[in-house]
Amino acid sequence: FPVTIIFLLSSYAVVFSTILWFKKPQFQRLVAVLVSVIVVQIAFLWNKWQVTNQQEWVVFNSKKNTLIAERNGRTVTLYANDSLQKVGAKNKTLNAYLVGNFSHLAAAKELKNTIYFNKKRILIIDSTGVYPEHHPDIIVLTQSPKINLERLIRISQPKEIVADASNYKTLQKLWKASCEKEKIPFHSTSEKGFYILR
């Protein structure tokens, strides 16, 4: 089950107060044990409630394949290529995410060029380098597409560009420089870890 900082600290408080109570049983120490147990339960329930009422879209730091998940409460939809769809929750990265968010994999869908999440249009460009001409909010680059990013930025005018770990690092450096030149935020999962949109 997922462990948050509050849950971890309150668990330590239970252990510490229990040890003190066993060494010298006193009413105040028993109260401390009971209070710390209640705090652990509250922390656990609070975390579970937060996850249930949260929506997020995540691009994972996966080197071989593009791995994107959309979570709506405790339900997760996986967006990936055919081979990864079959593996599903057996993938270590995805499994850790599911456990950490009290979630389950509800569906696995084929990765498409355009995805909508929270009124944001997300354009995904893969190795084919083919993309529809529209103005996305976010562009996700995967599988090292051969594109002229500066021209794409001028045509599409995105608010942010994300590159996952399936891209060559040399290309990511060039893209980062292009984004800095065009003053567009650039997120590389190889450098900054997973990308999350809420």
N, C-alpha and C. Protein backbone atom coordinates (compact mmCIF):
# COMPACT_ATOMS: atom_id res chain seq x y z
N PHE A 1 0.84 -1.18 0.00
CA PHE A 1 0.00 0.00 0.00
C PHE A 1 0.88 1.23 0.00
N PRO A 2 0.36 2.34 -0.49
CA PRO A 2 1.16 3.56 -0.60
C PRO A 2 1.51 4.16 0.75
N VAL A 3 2.71 4.73 0.84
CA VAL A 3 3.17 5.33 2.09
C VAL A 3 3.47 6.80 1.83
N THR A 4 2.73 7.69 2.51
CA THR A 4 3.00 9.12 2.43
C THR A 4 3.86 9.52 3.62
N ILE A 5 4.37 10.73 3.60
CA ILE A 5 5.23 11.21 4.69
C ILE A 5 4.45 11.24 6.01
N ILE A 6 3.21 11.73 5.98
CA ILE A 6 2.40 11.82 7.20
C ILE A 6 2.14 10.41 7.76
N PHE A 7 1.82 9.48 6.86
CA PHE A 7 1.57 8.11 7.27
C PHE A 7 2.82 7.49 7.87
N LEU A 8 3.97 7.75 7.25
CA LEU A 8 5.25 7.20 7.74
C LEU A 8 5.60 7.76 9.11
N LEU A 9 5.48 9.07 9.29
CA LEU A 9 5.81 9.70 10.58
C LEU A 9 4.87 9.23 11.69
N SER A 10 3.57 9.12 11.35
CA SER A 10 2.63 8.66 12.37
C SER A 10 2.86 7.18 12.71
N SER A 11 3.33 6.39 11.75
CA SER A 11 3.67 4.99 12.02
C SER A 11 4.86 4.91 12.97
N TYR A 12 5.85 5.77 12.74
CA TYR A 12 7.00 5.83 13.66
C TYR A 12 6.54 6.22 15.07
N ALA A 13 5.59 7.16 15.13
CA ALA A 13 5.06 7.59 16.43
C ALA A 13 4.39 6.43 17.16
N VAL A 14 3.66 5.57 16.41
CA VAL A 14 3.03 4.39 17.02
C VAL A 14 4.09 3.46 17.60
N VAL A 15 5.12 3.18 16.81
CA VAL A 15 6.19 2.27 17.25
C VAL A 15 6.91 2.85 18.47
N PHE A 16 7.28 4.12 18.39
CA PHE A 16 8.03 4.76 19.48
C PHE A 16 7.21 4.82 20.77
N SER A 17 5.94 5.24 20.66
CA SER A 17 5.10 5.35 21.86
C SER A 17 4.78 3.97 22.44
N THR A 18 4.65 2.94 21.60
CA THR A 18 4.41 1.58 22.09
C THR A 18 5.61 1.05 22.86
N ILE A 19 6.81 1.31 22.34
CA ILE A 19 8.03 0.88 23.04
C ILE A 19 8.14 1.55 24.41
N LEU A 20 7.88 2.87 24.42
CA LEU A 20 7.92 3.59 25.70
C LEU A 20 6.89 3.04 26.69
N TRP A 21 5.70 2.70 26.20
CA TRP A 21 4.65 2.18 27.08
C TRP A 21 5.02 0.80 27.62
N PHE A 22 5.65 -0.05 26.78
CA PHE A 22 6.08 -1.37 27.25
C PHE A 22 7.18 -1.28 28.29
N LYS A 23 8.07 -0.30 28.14
CA LYS A 23 9.16 -0.13 29.12
C LYS A 23 8.62 0.30 30.47
N LYS A 24 7.67 1.23 30.44
CA LYS A 24 7.11 1.73 31.70
C LYS A 24 5.63 2.06 31.46
N PRO A 25 4.73 1.08 31.74
CA PRO A 25 3.30 1.32 31.50
C PRO A 25 2.75 2.45 32.38
N GLN A 26 2.27 3.48 31.71
CA GLN A 26 1.62 4.59 32.38
C GLN A 26 0.43 5.02 31.53
N PHE A 27 -0.53 5.66 32.17
CA PHE A 27 -1.75 6.07 31.48
C PHE A 27 -1.44 7.06 30.35
N GLN A 28 -0.54 8.03 30.61
CA GLN A 28 -0.20 9.03 29.59
C GLN A 28 0.43 8.38 28.36
N ARG A 29 1.26 7.38 28.60
CA ARG A 29 1.92 6.69 27.47
C ARG A 29 0.92 5.84 26.69
N LEU A 30 -0.06 5.28 27.38
CA LEU A 30 -1.11 4.52 26.70
C LEU A 30 -1.96 5.46 25.83
N VAL A 31 -2.25 6.64 26.36
CA VAL A 31 -2.98 7.65 25.58
C VAL A 31 -2.18 8.03 24.33
N ALA A 32 -0.86 8.19 24.48
CA ALA A 32 0.01 8.53 23.34
C ALA A 32 -0.04 7.44 22.26
N VAL A 33 -0.06 6.18 22.68
CA VAL A 33 -0.15 5.06 21.75
C VAL A 33 -1.48 5.12 20.99
N LEU A 34 -2.57 5.31 21.74
CA LEU A 34 -3.91 5.34 21.11
C LEU A 34 -4.06 6.53 20.16
N VAL A 35 -3.55 7.69 20.56
CA VAL A 35 -3.63 8.88 19.70
C VAL A 35 -2.83 8.66 18.42
N SER A 36 -1.63 8.09 18.54
CA SER A 36 -0.80 7.86 17.34
C SER A 36 -1.45 6.83 16.41
N VAL A 37 -2.15 5.84 16.95
CA VAL A 37 -2.88 4.87 16.13
C VAL A 37 -4.00 5.57 15.37
N ILE A 38 -4.71 6.46 16.05
CA ILE A 38 -5.80 7.21 15.40
C ILE A 38 -5.24 8.10 14.29
N VAL A 39 -4.08 8.73 14.52
CA VAL A 39 -3.45 9.59 13.52
C VAL A 39 -3.05 8.76 12.29
N VAL A 40 -2.54 7.54 12.50
CA VAL A 40 -2.19 6.65 11.38
C VAL A 40 -3.43 6.35 10.54
N GLN A 41 -4.53 6.04 11.21
CA GLN A 41 -5.77 5.73 10.49
C GLN A 41 -6.29 6.94 9.72
N ILE A 42 -6.22 8.11 10.33
CA ILE A 42 -6.67 9.34 9.65
C ILE A 42 -5.79 9.62 8.43
N ALA A 43 -4.47 9.45 8.58
CA ALA A 43 -3.54 9.69 7.46
C ALA A 43 -3.83 8.74 6.31
N PHE A 44 -4.10 7.48 6.63
CA PHE A 44 -4.41 6.48 5.61
C PHE A 44 -5.70 6.82 4.87
N LEU A 45 -6.74 7.16 5.63
CA LEU A 45 -8.04 7.49 5.04
C LEU A 45 -7.98 8.79 4.23
N TRP A 46 -7.23 9.78 4.72
CA TRP A 46 -7.08 11.05 4.01
C TRP A 46 -6.41 10.83 2.65
N ASN A 47 -5.34 10.02 2.63
CA ASN A 47 -4.64 9.72 1.39
C ASN A 47 -5.56 9.01 0.40
N LYS A 48 -6.33 8.07 0.90
CA LYS A 48 -7.26 7.32 0.05
C LYS A 48 -8.35 8.23 -0.51
N TRP A 49 -8.85 9.14 0.30
CA TRP A 49 -9.88 10.09 -0.14
C TRP A 49 -9.33 11.02 -1.22
N GLN A 50 -8.09 11.50 -1.01
CA GLN A 50 -7.45 12.39 -1.98
C GLN A 50 -7.33 11.71 -3.34
N VAL A 51 -6.85 10.47 -3.34
CA VAL A 51 -6.66 9.72 -4.58
C VAL A 51 -7.99 9.52 -5.30
N THR A 52 -9.05 9.20 -4.54
CA THR A 52 -10.36 8.94 -5.12
C THR A 52 -10.93 10.17 -5.80
N ASN A 53 -10.59 11.36 -5.34
CA ASN A 53 -11.14 12.59 -5.89
C ASN A 53 -10.14 13.36 -6.76
N GLN A 54 -9.24 12.63 -7.39
CA GLN A 54 -8.19 13.29 -8.16
C GLN A 54 -8.16 12.74 -9.59
N GLN A 55 -7.82 13.62 -10.53
CA GLN A 55 -7.62 13.22 -11.92
C GLN A 55 -6.23 13.65 -12.34
N GLU A 56 -5.54 12.77 -13.06
CA GLU A 56 -4.22 13.16 -13.56
C GLU A 56 -3.86 12.37 -14.82
N TRP A 57 -2.98 12.96 -15.59
CA TRP A 57 -2.50 12.37 -16.83
C TRP A 57 -0.98 12.31 -16.72
N VAL A 58 -0.38 11.13 -16.89
CA VAL A 58 1.04 10.94 -16.59
C VAL A 58 1.79 10.35 -17.78
N VAL A 59 2.93 10.96 -18.11
CA VAL A 59 3.88 10.39 -19.07
C VAL A 59 5.02 9.83 -18.23
N PHE A 60 5.20 8.51 -18.28
CA PHE A 60 6.22 7.86 -17.46
C PHE A 60 7.59 7.91 -18.12
N ASN A 61 8.62 7.74 -17.31
CA ASN A 61 10.00 7.72 -17.79
C ASN A 61 10.35 6.28 -18.19
N SER A 62 9.87 5.87 -19.35
CA SER A 62 10.08 4.50 -19.84
C SER A 62 10.96 4.56 -21.08
N LYS A 63 12.12 3.89 -21.05
CA LYS A 63 13.10 4.02 -22.13
C LYS A 63 12.72 3.29 -23.40
N LYS A 64 12.20 2.09 -23.29
CA LYS A 64 11.94 1.29 -24.49
C LYS A 64 10.62 1.64 -25.16
N ASN A 65 9.60 1.88 -24.38
CA ASN A 65 8.27 2.13 -24.92
C ASN A 65 7.67 3.40 -24.34
N THR A 66 6.73 3.96 -25.08
CA THR A 66 6.00 5.10 -24.56
C THR A 66 4.91 4.58 -23.64
N LEU A 67 4.86 5.12 -22.44
CA LEU A 67 3.91 4.65 -21.43
C LEU A 67 3.20 5.86 -20.84
N ILE A 68 1.90 5.98 -21.14
CA ILE A 68 1.09 7.10 -20.67
C ILE A 68 -0.13 6.55 -19.95
N ALA A 69 -0.48 7.14 -18.83
CA ALA A 69 -1.65 6.69 -18.07
C ALA A 69 -2.54 7.88 -17.74
N GLU A 70 -3.84 7.63 -17.77
CA GLU A 70 -4.82 8.63 -17.36
C GLU A 70 -5.57 8.05 -16.17
N ARG A 71 -5.50 8.76 -15.04
CA ARG A 71 -6.17 8.27 -13.83
C ARG A 71 -7.34 9.17 -13.47
N ASN A 72 -8.47 8.55 -13.30
CA ASN A 72 -9.68 9.25 -12.86
C ASN A 72 -10.12 8.57 -11.57
N GLY A 73 -9.75 9.16 -10.43
CA GLY A 73 -10.01 8.52 -9.14
C GLY A 73 -9.16 7.28 -9.00
N ARG A 74 -9.81 6.14 -8.84
CA ARG A 74 -9.06 4.88 -8.68
C ARG A 74 -8.99 4.07 -9.97
N THR A 75 -9.50 4.63 -11.06
CA THR A 75 -9.52 3.94 -12.34
C THR A 75 -8.43 4.49 -13.25
N VAL A 76 -7.60 3.59 -13.79
CA VAL A 76 -6.49 3.99 -14.65
C VAL A 76 -6.68 3.42 -16.05
N THR A 77 -6.48 4.28 -17.05
CA THR A 77 -6.48 3.85 -18.45
C THR A 77 -5.06 3.98 -18.97
N LEU A 78 -4.55 2.91 -19.54
CA LEU A 78 -3.19 2.89 -20.07
C LEU A 78 -3.22 3.19 -21.56
N TYR A 79 -2.35 4.08 -22.01
CA TYR A 79 -2.17 4.36 -23.43
C TYR A 79 -0.77 3.90 -23.80
N ALA A 80 -0.70 2.91 -24.71
CA ALA A 80 0.60 2.35 -25.08
C ALA A 80 0.49 1.65 -26.42
N ASN A 81 1.66 1.17 -26.92
CA ASN A 81 1.62 0.39 -28.16
C ASN A 81 1.14 -1.03 -27.84
N ASP A 82 0.96 -1.85 -28.88
CA ASP A 82 0.36 -3.18 -28.73
C ASP A 82 1.08 -4.07 -27.72
N SER A 83 2.42 -4.15 -27.80
CA SER A 83 3.17 -5.05 -26.92
C SER A 83 3.00 -4.68 -25.46
N LEU A 84 2.96 -3.39 -25.16
CA LEU A 84 2.83 -2.94 -23.77
C LEU A 84 1.40 -3.08 -23.27
N GLN A 85 0.43 -2.99 -24.16
CA GLN A 85 -0.97 -3.16 -23.75
C GLN A 85 -1.20 -4.57 -23.22
N LYS A 86 -0.54 -5.56 -23.84
CA LYS A 86 -0.70 -6.96 -23.42
C LYS A 86 -0.09 -7.19 -22.04
N VAL A 87 1.02 -6.53 -21.77
CA VAL A 87 1.69 -6.68 -20.47
C VAL A 87 0.86 -6.02 -19.38
N GLY A 88 0.36 -4.79 -19.66
CA GLY A 88 -0.51 -4.08 -18.72
C GLY A 88 0.09 -3.87 -17.35
N ALA A 89 -0.64 -4.30 -16.32
CA ALA A 89 -0.23 -4.07 -14.92
C ALA A 89 1.00 -4.85 -14.51
N LYS A 90 1.50 -5.76 -15.36
CA LYS A 90 2.73 -6.50 -15.04
C LYS A 90 3.96 -5.62 -15.23
N ASN A 91 3.82 -4.51 -15.93
CA ASN A 91 4.91 -3.56 -16.10
C ASN A 91 5.25 -2.96 -14.74
N LYS A 92 6.53 -2.99 -14.36
CA LYS A 92 6.95 -2.56 -13.01
C LYS A 92 6.61 -1.10 -12.73
N THR A 93 6.86 -0.24 -13.72
CA THR A 93 6.59 1.20 -13.53
C THR A 93 5.11 1.44 -13.31
N LEU A 94 4.29 0.84 -14.16
CA LEU A 94 2.84 1.03 -14.06
C LEU A 94 2.30 0.40 -12.78
N ASN A 95 2.81 -0.78 -12.43
CA ASN A 95 2.35 -1.47 -11.22
C ASN A 95 2.64 -0.64 -9.96
N ALA A 96 3.84 -0.05 -9.90
CA ALA A 96 4.19 0.81 -8.75
C ALA A 96 3.24 2.01 -8.67
N TYR A 97 2.89 2.58 -9.83
CA TYR A 97 1.97 3.71 -9.88
C TYR A 97 0.58 3.29 -9.39
N LEU A 98 0.11 2.13 -9.83
CA LEU A 98 -1.21 1.64 -9.42
C LEU A 98 -1.27 1.42 -7.91
N VAL A 99 -0.25 0.79 -7.35
CA VAL A 99 -0.20 0.54 -5.91
C VAL A 99 -0.12 1.85 -5.14
N GLY A 100 0.72 2.75 -5.62
CA GLY A 100 0.90 4.04 -4.94
C GLY A 100 -0.31 4.94 -4.94
N ASN A 101 -1.28 4.63 -5.81
CA ASN A 101 -2.48 5.47 -5.90
C ASN A 101 -3.77 4.70 -5.64
N PHE A 102 -3.68 3.58 -4.95
CA PHE A 102 -4.86 2.76 -4.62
C PHE A 102 -5.70 2.48 -5.87
N SER A 103 -5.07 2.34 -7.03
CA SER A 103 -5.79 2.27 -8.29
C SER A 103 -5.75 0.88 -8.91
N HIS A 104 -6.56 0.70 -9.95
CA HIS A 104 -6.54 -0.53 -10.73
C HIS A 104 -6.61 -0.17 -12.21
N LEU A 105 -6.03 -1.03 -13.04
CA LEU A 105 -6.03 -0.81 -14.48
C LEU A 105 -7.38 -1.22 -15.04
N ALA A 106 -8.12 -0.25 -15.55
CA ALA A 106 -9.46 -0.52 -16.07
C ALA A 106 -9.43 -0.83 -17.56
N ALA A 107 -8.53 -0.17 -18.30
CA ALA A 107 -8.50 -0.38 -19.75
C ALA A 107 -7.11 -0.07 -20.30
N ALA A 108 -6.79 -0.72 -21.41
CA ALA A 108 -5.54 -0.44 -22.13
C ALA A 108 -5.92 -0.06 -23.55
N LYS A 109 -5.54 1.13 -23.98
CA LYS A 109 -5.92 1.63 -25.30
C LYS A 109 -4.68 1.91 -26.14
N GLU A 110 -4.89 1.86 -27.44
CA GLU A 110 -3.82 2.16 -28.37
C GLU A 110 -3.49 3.65 -28.32
N LEU A 111 -2.22 3.95 -28.39
CA LEU A 111 -1.76 5.34 -28.35
C LEU A 111 -2.14 6.04 -29.65
N LYS A 112 -2.85 7.15 -29.54
CA LYS A 112 -3.29 7.91 -30.71
C LYS A 112 -2.55 9.24 -30.76
N ASN A 113 -2.68 9.95 -31.88
CA ASN A 113 -2.00 11.23 -32.05
C ASN A 113 -2.56 12.33 -31.16
N THR A 114 -3.88 12.28 -30.91
CA THR A 114 -4.50 13.35 -30.14
C THR A 114 -5.28 12.78 -28.96
N ILE A 115 -5.03 13.35 -27.80
CA ILE A 115 -5.74 12.96 -26.58
C ILE A 115 -6.25 14.25 -25.92
N TYR A 116 -7.42 14.17 -25.33
CA TYR A 116 -7.98 15.31 -24.60
C TYR A 116 -8.03 14.97 -23.12
N PHE A 117 -7.56 15.90 -22.28
CA PHE A 117 -7.60 15.71 -20.84
C PHE A 117 -7.83 17.06 -20.17
N ASN A 118 -8.88 17.15 -19.35
CA ASN A 118 -9.22 18.40 -18.64
C ASN A 118 -9.22 19.63 -19.56
N LYS A 119 -9.92 19.51 -20.66
CA LYS A 119 -10.07 20.59 -21.64
C LYS A 119 -8.75 21.00 -22.29
N LYS A 120 -7.74 20.11 -22.22
CA LYS A 120 -6.47 20.39 -22.88
C LYS A 120 -6.28 19.40 -24.02
N ARG A 121 -5.83 19.92 -25.14
CA ARG A 121 -5.56 19.08 -26.30
C ARG A 121 -4.09 18.69 -26.28
N ILE A 122 -3.83 17.39 -26.30
CA ILE A 122 -2.46 16.88 -26.23
C ILE A 122 -2.14 16.18 -27.54
N LEU A 123 -1.07 16.62 -28.19
CA LEU A 123 -0.64 16.04 -29.45
C LEU A 123 0.56 15.13 -29.19
N ILE A 124 0.46 13.87 -29.64
CA ILE A 124 1.55 12.92 -29.46
C ILE A 124 2.17 12.63 -30.82
N ILE A 125 3.47 12.92 -30.94
CA ILE A 125 4.19 12.70 -32.20
C ILE A 125 5.19 11.57 -31.98
N ASP A 126 5.05 10.49 -32.75
CA ASP A 126 5.94 9.33 -32.61
C ASP A 126 6.97 9.30 -33.74
N SER A 127 7.61 8.14 -33.94
CA SER A 127 8.69 8.00 -34.91
C SER A 127 8.27 8.30 -36.34
N THR A 128 6.99 8.19 -36.64
CA THR A 128 6.53 8.50 -38.01
C THR A 128 6.68 9.99 -38.32
N GLY A 129 6.62 10.82 -37.30
CA GLY A 129 6.74 12.26 -37.50
C GLY A 129 5.50 12.89 -38.10
N VAL A 130 4.43 12.12 -38.20
CA VAL A 130 3.18 12.61 -38.78
C VAL A 130 2.30 13.18 -37.67
N TYR A 131 1.72 14.33 -37.93
CA TYR A 131 0.84 14.95 -36.94
C TYR A 131 -0.20 15.81 -37.63
N PRO A 132 -1.41 15.85 -37.05
CA PRO A 132 -2.45 16.71 -37.63
C PRO A 132 -2.13 18.17 -37.36
N GLU A 133 -2.58 19.04 -38.26
CA GLU A 133 -2.31 20.47 -38.09
C GLU A 133 -3.41 21.11 -37.24
N HIS A 134 -3.14 21.26 -35.98
CA HIS A 134 -4.03 22.00 -35.08
C HIS A 134 -3.19 22.60 -33.97
N HIS A 135 -3.80 23.36 -33.11
CA HIS A 135 -3.07 24.04 -32.04
C HIS A 135 -3.26 23.32 -30.72
N PRO A 136 -2.33 22.41 -30.38
CA PRO A 136 -2.44 21.69 -29.11
C PRO A 136 -1.93 22.53 -27.95
N ASP A 137 -2.37 22.18 -26.75
CA ASP A 137 -1.84 22.82 -25.55
C ASP A 137 -0.48 22.23 -25.18
N ILE A 138 -0.36 20.91 -25.37
CA ILE A 138 0.87 20.19 -25.02
C ILE A 138 1.25 19.28 -26.17
N ILE A 139 2.55 19.22 -26.47
CA ILE A 139 3.07 18.28 -27.47
C ILE A 139 3.95 17.28 -26.74
N VAL A 140 3.71 15.98 -26.98
CA VAL A 140 4.53 14.91 -26.40
C VAL A 140 5.30 14.26 -27.54
N LEU A 141 6.62 14.26 -27.43
CA LEU A 141 7.50 13.67 -28.44
C LEU A 141 7.97 12.30 -27.96
N THR A 142 7.75 11.26 -28.80
CA THR A 142 8.13 9.91 -28.43
C THR A 142 8.84 9.20 -29.59
N GLN A 143 9.64 8.22 -29.28
CA GLN A 143 10.29 7.36 -30.27
C GLN A 143 11.13 8.13 -31.30
N SER A 144 11.75 9.22 -30.89
CA SER A 144 12.68 10.02 -31.71
C SER A 144 12.15 10.40 -33.10
N PRO A 145 11.08 11.19 -33.17
CA PRO A 145 10.56 11.60 -34.48
C PRO A 145 11.52 12.57 -35.17
N LYS A 146 11.61 12.44 -36.49
CA LYS A 146 12.47 13.34 -37.28
C LYS A 146 11.63 14.54 -37.71
N ILE A 147 11.65 15.57 -36.89
CA ILE A 147 10.86 16.77 -37.15
C ILE A 147 11.71 18.02 -36.93
N ASN A 148 11.29 19.10 -37.53
CA ASN A 148 11.90 20.40 -37.27
C ASN A 148 11.06 21.04 -36.15
N LEU A 149 11.56 20.98 -34.94
CA LEU A 149 10.77 21.41 -33.78
C LEU A 149 10.47 22.90 -33.80
N GLU A 150 11.42 23.71 -34.25
CA GLU A 150 11.19 25.16 -34.29
C GLU A 150 10.02 25.50 -35.22
N ARG A 151 9.98 24.83 -36.38
CA ARG A 151 8.87 25.06 -37.31
C ARG A 151 7.55 24.56 -36.72
N LEU A 152 7.61 23.39 -36.05
CA LEU A 152 6.41 22.84 -35.41
C LEU A 152 5.88 23.80 -34.34
N ILE A 153 6.79 24.39 -33.56
CA ILE A 153 6.38 25.34 -32.52
C ILE A 153 5.70 26.57 -33.13
N ARG A 154 6.28 27.08 -34.23
CA ARG A 154 5.69 28.26 -34.87
C ARG A 154 4.31 27.96 -35.46
N ILE A 155 4.15 26.75 -36.02
CA ILE A 155 2.86 26.37 -36.63
C ILE A 155 1.82 26.06 -35.55
N SER A 156 2.20 25.22 -34.56
CA SER A 156 1.24 24.72 -33.57
C SER A 156 1.04 25.64 -32.37
N GLN A 157 2.07 26.40 -32.01
CA GLN A 157 2.03 27.30 -30.85
C GLN A 157 1.58 26.60 -29.56
N PRO A 158 2.28 25.53 -29.16
CA PRO A 158 1.91 24.83 -27.93
C PRO A 158 2.33 25.63 -26.69
N LYS A 159 1.74 25.29 -25.57
CA LYS A 159 2.11 25.95 -24.30
C LYS A 159 3.26 25.21 -23.61
N GLU A 160 3.44 23.93 -23.97
CA GLU A 160 4.47 23.12 -23.32
C GLU A 160 4.84 21.94 -24.21
N ILE A 161 6.12 21.50 -24.11
CA ILE A 161 6.57 20.33 -24.88
C ILE A 161 7.19 19.33 -23.91
N VAL A 162 6.80 18.06 -24.10
CA VAL A 162 7.29 16.96 -23.24
C VAL A 162 7.97 15.93 -24.12
N ALA A 163 9.13 15.45 -23.69
CA ALA A 163 9.83 14.37 -24.39
C ALA A 163 10.03 13.22 -23.41
N ASP A 164 9.56 12.03 -23.79
CA ASP A 164 9.74 10.89 -22.88
C ASP A 164 11.11 10.24 -23.10
N ALA A 165 11.42 9.22 -22.32
CA ALA A 165 12.75 8.60 -22.35
C ALA A 165 12.98 7.72 -23.56
N SER A 166 11.97 7.53 -24.41
CA SER A 166 12.15 6.70 -25.61
C SER A 166 12.89 7.46 -26.71
N ASN A 167 13.15 8.74 -26.51
CA ASN A 167 13.86 9.57 -27.50
C ASN A 167 15.36 9.53 -27.26
N TYR A 168 16.13 9.71 -28.35
CA TYR A 168 17.60 9.80 -28.21
C TYR A 168 17.95 11.04 -27.40
N LYS A 169 18.97 10.91 -26.56
CA LYS A 169 19.35 12.04 -25.70
C LYS A 169 19.89 13.21 -26.50
N THR A 170 20.55 12.93 -27.63
CA THR A 170 21.06 14.03 -28.47
C THR A 170 19.91 14.85 -29.03
N LEU A 171 18.82 14.17 -29.44
CA LEU A 171 17.65 14.89 -29.93
C LEU A 171 17.01 15.72 -28.83
N GLN A 172 16.96 15.16 -27.63
CA GLN A 172 16.35 15.88 -26.51
C GLN A 172 17.11 17.17 -26.22
N LYS A 173 18.45 17.13 -26.33
CA LYS A 173 19.24 18.35 -26.11
C LYS A 173 18.92 19.41 -27.17
N LEU A 174 18.79 18.97 -28.42
CA LEU A 174 18.44 19.91 -29.50
C LEU A 174 17.05 20.50 -29.28
N TRP A 175 16.10 19.65 -28.88
CA TRP A 175 14.74 20.11 -28.63
C TRP A 175 14.69 21.10 -27.47
N LYS A 176 15.49 20.81 -26.45
CA LYS A 176 15.54 21.71 -25.29
C LYS A 176 16.04 23.10 -25.71
N ALA A 177 17.09 23.10 -26.54
CA ALA A 177 17.64 24.37 -27.04
C ALA A 177 16.61 25.12 -27.89
N SER A 178 15.88 24.38 -28.73
CA SER A 178 14.84 25.00 -29.57
C SER A 178 13.73 25.61 -28.71
N CYS A 179 13.35 24.89 -27.65
CA CYS A 179 12.30 25.39 -26.76
C CYS A 179 12.75 26.63 -26.00
N GLU A 180 14.01 26.64 -25.58
CA GLU A 180 14.54 27.82 -24.89
C GLU A 180 14.55 29.02 -25.83
N LYS A 181 14.91 28.77 -27.09
CA LYS A 181 14.94 29.84 -28.09
C LYS A 181 13.53 30.41 -28.33
N GLU A 182 12.54 29.52 -28.38
CA GLU A 182 11.16 29.93 -28.62
C GLU A 182 10.40 30.28 -27.33
N LYS A 183 11.09 30.16 -26.19
CA LYS A 183 10.53 30.47 -24.87
C LYS A 183 9.29 29.62 -24.54
N ILE A 184 9.45 28.31 -24.76
CA ILE A 184 8.38 27.34 -24.47
C ILE A 184 8.93 26.38 -23.40
N PRO A 185 8.18 26.10 -22.33
CA PRO A 185 8.64 25.15 -21.32
C PRO A 185 8.88 23.76 -21.92
N PHE A 186 10.00 23.14 -21.56
CA PHE A 186 10.36 21.81 -22.07
C PHE A 186 10.58 20.87 -20.89
N HIS A 187 9.92 19.70 -20.93
CA HIS A 187 10.05 18.71 -19.86
C HIS A 187 10.56 17.40 -20.45
N SER A 188 11.77 17.01 -20.04
CA SER A 188 12.34 15.73 -20.47
C SER A 188 12.21 14.76 -19.30
N THR A 189 11.53 13.62 -19.53
CA THR A 189 11.37 12.66 -18.43
C THR A 189 12.71 12.02 -18.06
N SER A 190 13.68 12.03 -18.99
CA SER A 190 15.02 11.49 -18.69
C SER A 190 15.71 12.34 -17.63
N GLU A 191 15.48 13.66 -17.67
CA GLU A 191 16.13 14.57 -16.72
C GLU A 191 15.27 14.82 -15.48
N LYS A 192 13.98 15.08 -15.69
CA LYS A 192 13.12 15.53 -14.60
C LYS A 192 12.20 14.45 -14.06
N GLY A 193 12.24 13.25 -14.62
CA GLY A 193 11.33 12.20 -14.19
C GLY A 193 9.99 12.32 -14.89
N PHE A 194 9.01 11.60 -14.42
CA PHE A 194 7.71 11.56 -15.09
C PHE A 194 7.09 12.96 -15.19
N TYR A 195 6.20 13.10 -16.17
CA TYR A 195 5.47 14.36 -16.37
C TYR A 195 4.03 14.13 -15.92
N ILE A 196 3.53 15.03 -15.12
CA ILE A 196 2.16 14.88 -14.60
C ILE A 196 1.34 16.11 -14.90
N LEU A 197 0.10 15.88 -15.35
CA LEU A 197 -0.83 16.96 -15.66
C LEU A 197 -2.09 16.73 -14.85
N ARG A 198 -2.49 17.74 -14.08
CA ARG A 198 -3.71 17.60 -13.25
C ARG A 198 -4.72 18.62 -13.67
